[in-house]
Amino acid sequence: KLFVDEEEQRIIFPVYEDGSLIFYAGRDITGKSPLPWKKSFGEDVHPIWNIDSLSTTAVVFEACFDAIQIPNGIALFGVGTETQFKKLLKLKLNKIILVFDNDKAGKNARLKWAEWLTARKQSGVYVYDYSGISVKDFGTMAEQGIPFELKERMKFWDYRAKLLYKMGKLDGNF
């Protein structure tokens, strides 16, 4: 569920876990605010937007505007924490697709969490391959009409994919 705060002119992304509101983030919709995002406080929260909707698959993004583009999209409000990924492991998902942003931090996060998840025996770990795409994220891709091609671009994380990633053959723009 998303809400609009008309007074603040923000779209509100509430984060529910086990049916309880634990966090929220509000994004300025005017483009004029010096603070584009406002978030609720709580250092020990480690929120995952849309986690309550997952059943078998999670498509992992940094930001809500990216996650809303895809069914089963979730947002970590950044590149993620171990606490957030432990929450995902508890769900015993069949597939975890690591998308993140199309920048150096996003590439590093895909590599880090793919390794972390497979080290913990999570099967069905995939990384999104941005090769040939120069825009930053799924939100921008949607704005510009660039197809996500999720099924075609998700690469199963195994030894071969790891080598290709390290050689720059996946995400070739880095």
Protein backbone atom coordinates (compact mmCIF):
# COMPACT_ATOMS: atom_id res chain seq x y z
CA LYS A 1 0.00 0.00 0.00
CA LEU A 2 1.18 3.47 -0.88
CA PHE A 3 -0.18 6.75 0.41
CA VAL A 4 0.10 10.41 -0.53
CA ASP A 5 0.67 12.99 2.19
CA GLU A 6 -0.98 16.00 0.53
CA GLU A 7 0.28 18.49 3.12
CA GLU A 8 3.94 17.43 2.75
CA GLN A 9 3.45 16.50 -0.92
CA ARG A 10 5.13 13.13 -0.50
CA ILE A 11 4.36 9.62 -1.57
CA ILE A 12 4.58 7.43 1.53
CA PHE A 13 5.99 3.91 1.45
CA PRO A 14 4.94 2.13 4.64
CA VAL A 15 6.91 -0.96 5.68
CA TYR A 16 4.96 -3.75 7.31
CA GLU A 17 6.48 -6.88 8.77
CA ASP A 18 4.19 -9.60 10.04
CA GLY A 19 1.31 -7.20 9.51
CA SER A 20 2.72 -4.46 11.78
CA LEU A 21 3.90 -1.06 10.60
CA ILE A 22 7.60 -0.84 11.52
CA PHE A 23 8.92 1.97 9.29
CA TYR A 24 7.97 4.42 6.58
CA ALA A 25 9.69 6.57 4.01
CA GLY A 26 8.23 9.57 2.21
CA ARG A 27 9.48 10.85 -1.16
CA ASP A 28 8.92 14.45 -2.26
CA ILE A 29 6.75 14.53 -5.38
CA THR A 30 7.36 18.18 -6.25
CA GLY A 31 11.08 17.93 -6.97
CA LYS A 32 11.59 21.12 -4.96
CA SER A 33 12.28 19.85 -1.44
CA PRO A 34 15.83 20.12 -0.08
CA LEU A 35 15.07 16.78 1.62
CA PRO A 36 13.81 14.47 -1.15
CA TRP A 37 13.32 11.60 1.35
CA LYS A 38 12.04 11.63 4.91
CA LYS A 39 12.17 8.43 6.90
CA SER A 40 10.96 7.28 10.26
CA PHE A 41 13.63 6.66 12.86
CA GLY A 42 14.91 3.49 14.45
CA GLU A 43 18.45 2.22 14.05
CA ASP A 44 17.56 -1.40 14.76
CA VAL A 45 14.66 -1.63 12.30
CA HIS A 46 16.44 -2.76 9.09
CA PRO A 47 13.25 -2.41 7.02
CA ILE A 48 12.37 -4.31 3.86
CA TRP A 49 9.59 -2.66 1.90
CA ASN A 50 7.00 -5.14 0.61
CA ILE A 51 8.42 -8.18 2.45
CA ASP A 52 4.96 -9.27 3.62
CA SER A 53 3.85 -9.85 0.03
CA LEU A 54 6.52 -12.44 -0.77
CA SER A 55 5.77 -16.13 -1.16
CA THR A 56 8.40 -17.88 -3.30
CA THR A 57 10.45 -15.16 -5.03
CA ALA A 58 12.08 -11.86 -4.04
CA VAL A 59 13.43 -9.32 -6.52
CA VAL A 60 15.79 -7.17 -4.44
CA PHE A 61 16.28 -3.44 -5.08
CA GLU A 62 17.82 -0.55 -3.20
CA ALA A 63 14.84 1.78 -3.60
CA CYS A 64 11.06 1.64 -3.55
CA PHE A 65 10.61 3.37 -6.92
CA ASP A 66 12.55 0.50 -8.49
CA ALA A 67 10.80 -2.22 -6.50
CA ILE A 68 7.31 -1.07 -7.49
CA GLN A 69 8.14 -1.84 -11.14
CA ILE A 70 8.23 -5.64 -10.64
CA PRO A 71 5.92 -8.16 -8.95
CA ASN A 72 7.65 -9.47 -5.81
CA GLY A 73 9.92 -6.41 -5.80
CA ILE A 74 11.30 -5.44 -2.40
CA ALA A 75 13.39 -2.43 -1.35
CA LEU A 76 16.16 -2.36 1.25
CA PHE A 77 16.55 1.46 1.43
CA GLY A 78 20.16 1.06 0.36
CA VAL A 79 22.51 -1.80 -0.49
CA GLY A 80 21.31 -3.93 2.41
CA THR A 81 22.41 -5.24 5.76
CA GLU A 82 23.06 -8.71 7.08
CA THR A 83 19.97 -8.36 9.27
CA GLN A 84 17.81 -7.73 6.19
CA PHE A 85 19.21 -10.72 4.36
CA LYS A 86 18.73 -12.93 7.41
CA LYS A 87 15.04 -11.94 7.26
CA LEU A 88 14.96 -13.10 3.63
CA LEU A 89 16.63 -16.41 4.50
CA LYS A 90 13.96 -17.10 7.12
CA LEU A 91 11.32 -16.96 4.37
CA LYS A 92 12.85 -19.98 2.60
CA LEU A 93 12.33 -18.45 -0.83
CA ASN A 94 12.85 -20.44 -4.03
CA LYS A 95 14.42 -17.47 -5.85
CA ILE A 96 16.24 -14.35 -4.78
CA ILE A 97 17.06 -12.06 -7.70
CA LEU A 98 19.59 -9.35 -6.82
CA VAL A 99 19.06 -6.27 -8.97
CA PHE A 100 20.23 -3.18 -7.05
CA ASP A 101 21.31 -0.05 -8.97
CA ASN A 102 23.39 0.07 -12.14
CA ASP A 103 26.41 1.72 -10.53
CA LYS A 104 29.57 0.59 -8.78
CA ALA A 105 27.87 0.33 -5.35
CA GLY A 106 25.04 -1.71 -6.89
CA LYS A 107 27.44 -4.05 -8.67
CA ASN A 108 29.42 -4.55 -5.47
CA ALA A 109 26.19 -5.25 -3.56
CA ARG A 110 25.08 -7.88 -6.12
CA LEU A 111 28.42 -9.64 -5.80
CA LYS A 112 28.57 -9.39 -2.00
CA TRP A 113 25.04 -10.63 -1.35
CA ALA A 114 25.18 -13.37 -4.00
CA GLU A 115 28.26 -14.74 -2.27
CA TRP A 116 26.75 -14.29 1.19
CA LEU A 117 23.51 -16.06 0.26
CA THR A 118 25.20 -19.00 -1.46
CA ALA A 119 27.59 -19.42 1.48
CA ARG A 120 24.47 -19.91 3.61
CA LYS A 121 23.13 -22.59 1.25
CA GLN A 122 20.41 -20.42 -0.30
CA SER A 123 19.58 -22.05 -3.61
CA GLY A 124 18.07 -20.06 -6.44
CA VAL A 125 20.30 -16.97 -6.20
CA TYR A 126 20.35 -14.84 -9.35
CA VAL A 127 21.97 -11.53 -10.32
CA TYR A 128 20.59 -9.06 -12.83
CA ASP A 129 22.89 -8.33 -15.77
CA TYR A 130 22.82 -4.65 -16.80
CA SER A 131 25.14 -5.20 -19.79
CA GLY A 132 24.31 -2.67 -22.51
CA ILE A 133 22.13 -0.56 -20.20
CA SER A 134 23.55 2.81 -19.17
CA VAL A 135 20.78 4.19 -16.94
CA LYS A 136 20.94 3.99 -13.15
CA ASP A 137 17.99 1.84 -12.14
CA PHE A 138 14.61 0.24 -12.93
CA GLY A 139 12.73 3.44 -12.12
CA THR A 140 14.70 5.29 -14.81
CA MET A 141 14.35 2.35 -17.20
CA ALA A 142 10.56 2.52 -16.77
CA GLU A 143 10.56 6.30 -17.35
CA GLN A 144 12.59 5.88 -20.55
CA GLY A 145 10.69 2.84 -21.83
CA ILE A 146 13.69 0.52 -21.57
CA PRO A 147 12.45 -3.06 -21.17
CA PHE A 148 13.59 -4.84 -17.99
CA GLU A 149 13.87 -8.27 -19.67
CA LEU A 150 14.10 -9.74 -16.18
CA LYS A 151 13.92 -13.40 -17.23
CA GLU A 152 16.49 -12.93 -20.00
CA ARG A 153 18.89 -10.89 -17.86
CA MET A 154 18.78 -12.80 -14.58
CA LYS A 155 21.84 -15.00 -14.31
CA PHE A 156 21.99 -17.97 -11.96
CA TRP A 157 24.75 -17.40 -9.43
CA ASP A 158 27.27 -20.20 -9.71
CA TYR A 159 31.02 -20.47 -10.19
CA ARG A 160 30.75 -19.61 -13.91
CA ALA A 161 28.67 -16.49 -13.23
CA LYS A 162 31.09 -15.44 -10.50
CA LEU A 163 34.03 -15.69 -12.92
CA LEU A 164 32.16 -13.78 -15.64
CA TYR A 165 31.25 -11.10 -13.11
CA LYS A 166 34.84 -10.71 -11.96
CA MET A 167 36.06 -10.57 -15.58
CA GLY A 168 33.53 -7.83 -16.40
CA LYS A 169 31.51 -10.01 -18.77
CA LEU A 170 28.34 -9.56 -16.71
CA ASP A 171 27.51 -5.91 -16.20
CA GLY A 172 29.92 -5.11 -19.00
CA ASN A 173 29.59 -1.37 -18.48
CA PHE A 174 31.94 -1.49 -15.45
